[in-house]
């Protein structure tokens, strides 16, 4: 199982394709902390072999730069369909997060695990806005 891509965006949905808005931001500018981000989505596309297709357990952990969990892990199941022809199948996932509170400035990452194995990390940073002179 390989990750084709993974990113954070403002909003996403998956049907036969991925529809996403505000793709690929990696920084939240905040004049003060803690800061609550009202809504963000994570998008993941992966490819599996025929043997790997089927139901999978997914977890998303938001971890700070000290290795601490920021929010409780988000857990779910998804299905990667067996391909009708060929040897590879595609799985597409969009996960929504509401009112995520970032307690301090610094680096964070969403750690994505599938069936207990970390598959990717999606970084995000909380920074002060640039000063205007």
Protein backbone atom coordinates (compact mmCIF):
# COMPACT_ATOMS: atom_id res chain seq x y z
CA UNK A 1 0.00 0.00 0.00
CA UNK A 2 1.48 3.33 -1.11
CA UNK A 3 0.34 6.89 -0.50
CA UNK A 4 0.03 8.82 -3.78
CA UNK A 5 -0.54 12.11 -1.98
CA UNK A 6 -1.82 13.62 1.25
CA UNK A 7 -2.60 17.24 2.07
CA UNK A 8 -4.52 19.62 4.29
CA UNK A 9 -7.16 21.86 2.76
CA UNK A 10 -10.13 24.01 3.73
CA UNK A 11 -12.76 21.52 2.56
CA UNK A 12 -12.87 18.21 0.66
CA UNK A 13 -15.25 15.50 -0.40
CA UNK A 14 -14.74 12.21 -2.19
CA UNK A 15 -17.07 10.74 -4.78
CA UNK A 16 -15.58 9.11 -7.87
CA UNK A 17 -12.93 11.81 -7.62
CA UNK A 18 -11.63 14.21 -4.98
CA UNK A 19 -13.10 17.70 -4.80
CA UNK A 20 -11.05 20.05 -2.62
CA UNK A 21 -10.90 23.78 -1.84
CA UNK A 22 -7.98 25.70 -0.39
CA UNK A 23 -5.55 22.91 -1.21
CA UNK A 24 -2.26 22.43 0.52
CA UNK A 25 -1.98 25.10 3.19
CA UNK A 26 0.62 24.38 5.85
CA UNK A 27 0.56 27.44 8.13
CA UNK A 28 -2.02 28.98 10.42
CA UNK A 29 -1.25 32.59 11.29
CA UNK A 30 -2.43 33.49 14.77
CA UNK A 31 -1.89 36.77 16.66
CA UNK A 32 -2.32 34.86 19.95
CA UNK A 33 -2.39 31.28 21.17
CA UNK A 34 -4.15 29.09 21.90
CA UNK A 35 -5.90 29.42 18.56
CA UNK A 36 -8.91 27.46 17.33
CA UNK A 37 -9.06 26.67 13.63
CA UNK A 38 -12.75 26.34 12.69
CA UNK A 39 -12.51 23.75 9.91
CA UNK A 40 -9.94 21.82 7.92
CA UNK A 41 -9.89 18.62 5.94
CA UNK A 42 -7.24 16.02 5.29
CA UNK A 43 -7.15 14.26 1.93
CA UNK A 44 -5.31 11.02 1.25
CA UNK A 45 -5.09 8.98 -1.93
CA UNK A 46 -3.49 5.57 -1.78
CA UNK A 47 -2.90 2.65 -4.11
CA UNK A 48 -3.16 -0.97 -3.10
CA UNK A 49 -2.51 -4.26 -4.76
CA UNK A 50 -5.38 -6.65 -5.35
CA UNK A 51 -4.23 -8.62 -2.29
CA UNK A 52 -4.34 -5.48 -0.08
CA UNK A 53 -7.81 -4.31 -1.17
CA UNK A 54 -10.64 -4.49 1.34
CA UNK A 55 -11.65 -2.90 4.64
CA UNK A 56 -8.97 -0.90 6.46
CA UNK A 57 -8.74 0.75 9.86
CA UNK A 58 -7.55 4.34 9.76
CA UNK A 59 -6.39 6.64 12.56
CA UNK A 60 -5.37 10.28 12.43
CA UNK A 61 -3.27 11.64 15.30
CA UNK A 62 -2.46 15.35 15.60
CA UNK A 63 0.93 15.52 17.33
CA UNK A 64 2.85 18.63 18.49
CA UNK A 65 6.61 19.13 18.21
CA UNK A 66 7.06 17.65 21.71
CA UNK A 67 5.37 14.41 20.62
CA UNK A 68 2.15 15.06 22.53
CA UNK A 69 -1.34 14.34 21.20
CA UNK A 70 -3.24 17.60 20.62
CA UNK A 71 -6.67 16.06 20.05
CA UNK A 72 -8.00 12.56 20.66
CA UNK A 73 -7.18 10.24 17.74
CA UNK A 74 -9.81 10.17 15.02
CA UNK A 75 -10.60 6.57 14.08
CA UNK A 76 -12.60 5.08 11.27
CA UNK A 77 -12.87 2.37 8.66
CA UNK A 78 -12.78 2.64 4.91
CA UNK A 79 -12.90 0.22 2.03
CA UNK A 80 -10.46 -0.02 -0.84
CA UNK A 81 -12.39 -1.78 -3.60
CA UNK A 82 -10.87 -4.64 -5.56
CA UNK A 83 -10.12 -3.49 -9.09
CA UNK A 84 -12.42 -4.74 -11.81
CA UNK A 85 -9.35 -5.32 -13.96
CA UNK A 86 -5.62 -5.04 -13.40
CA UNK A 87 -3.54 -5.42 -10.29
CA UNK A 88 -3.98 -2.07 -8.51
CA UNK A 89 -6.80 -0.26 -6.76
CA UNK A 90 -7.17 3.34 -5.58
CA UNK A 91 -8.54 4.45 -2.23
CA UNK A 92 -9.54 8.07 -1.58
CA UNK A 93 -10.22 9.49 1.87
CA UNK A 94 -11.34 12.91 3.11
CA UNK A 95 -11.50 13.56 6.85
CA UNK A 96 -13.04 16.69 8.36
CA UNK A 97 -11.86 18.36 11.57
CA UNK A 98 -13.87 21.05 13.36
CA UNK A 99 -12.70 23.56 15.99
CA UNK A 100 -9.17 22.18 16.36
CA UNK A 101 -7.38 24.04 19.14
CA UNK A 102 -3.64 24.55 18.71
CA UNK A 103 -2.28 25.37 22.17
CA UNK A 104 1.00 27.06 21.19
CA UNK A 105 3.12 28.33 18.32
CA UNK A 106 5.21 25.70 16.60
CA UNK A 107 5.17 22.65 14.38
CA UNK A 108 2.48 20.00 14.36
CA UNK A 109 1.74 17.01 12.14
CA UNK A 110 -1.17 14.74 11.38
CA UNK A 111 0.18 11.18 11.63
CA UNK A 112 -1.93 8.82 9.54
CA UNK A 113 -1.94 5.12 10.37
CA UNK A 114 -3.65 2.39 8.40
CA UNK A 115 -4.12 -0.98 10.08
CA UNK A 116 -1.68 0.11 12.79
CA UNK A 117 1.15 1.18 10.45
CA UNK A 118 2.07 4.83 10.01
CA UNK A 119 1.69 5.66 6.32
CA UNK A 120 2.31 9.41 6.22
CA UNK A 121 2.73 12.63 8.17
CA UNK A 122 1.15 15.86 7.05
CA UNK A 123 2.86 18.88 8.64
CA UNK A 124 1.16 22.09 9.74
CA UNK A 125 2.62 25.07 11.59
CA UNK A 126 1.15 27.76 13.82
CA UNK A 127 3.02 31.07 13.54
CA UNK A 128 2.62 34.72 14.45
CA UNK A 129 1.55 36.90 11.52
CA UNK A 130 4.36 38.91 9.97
CA UNK A 131 4.71 42.32 11.54
CA UNK A 132 3.70 45.31 9.45
CA UNK A 133 6.01 48.26 9.81
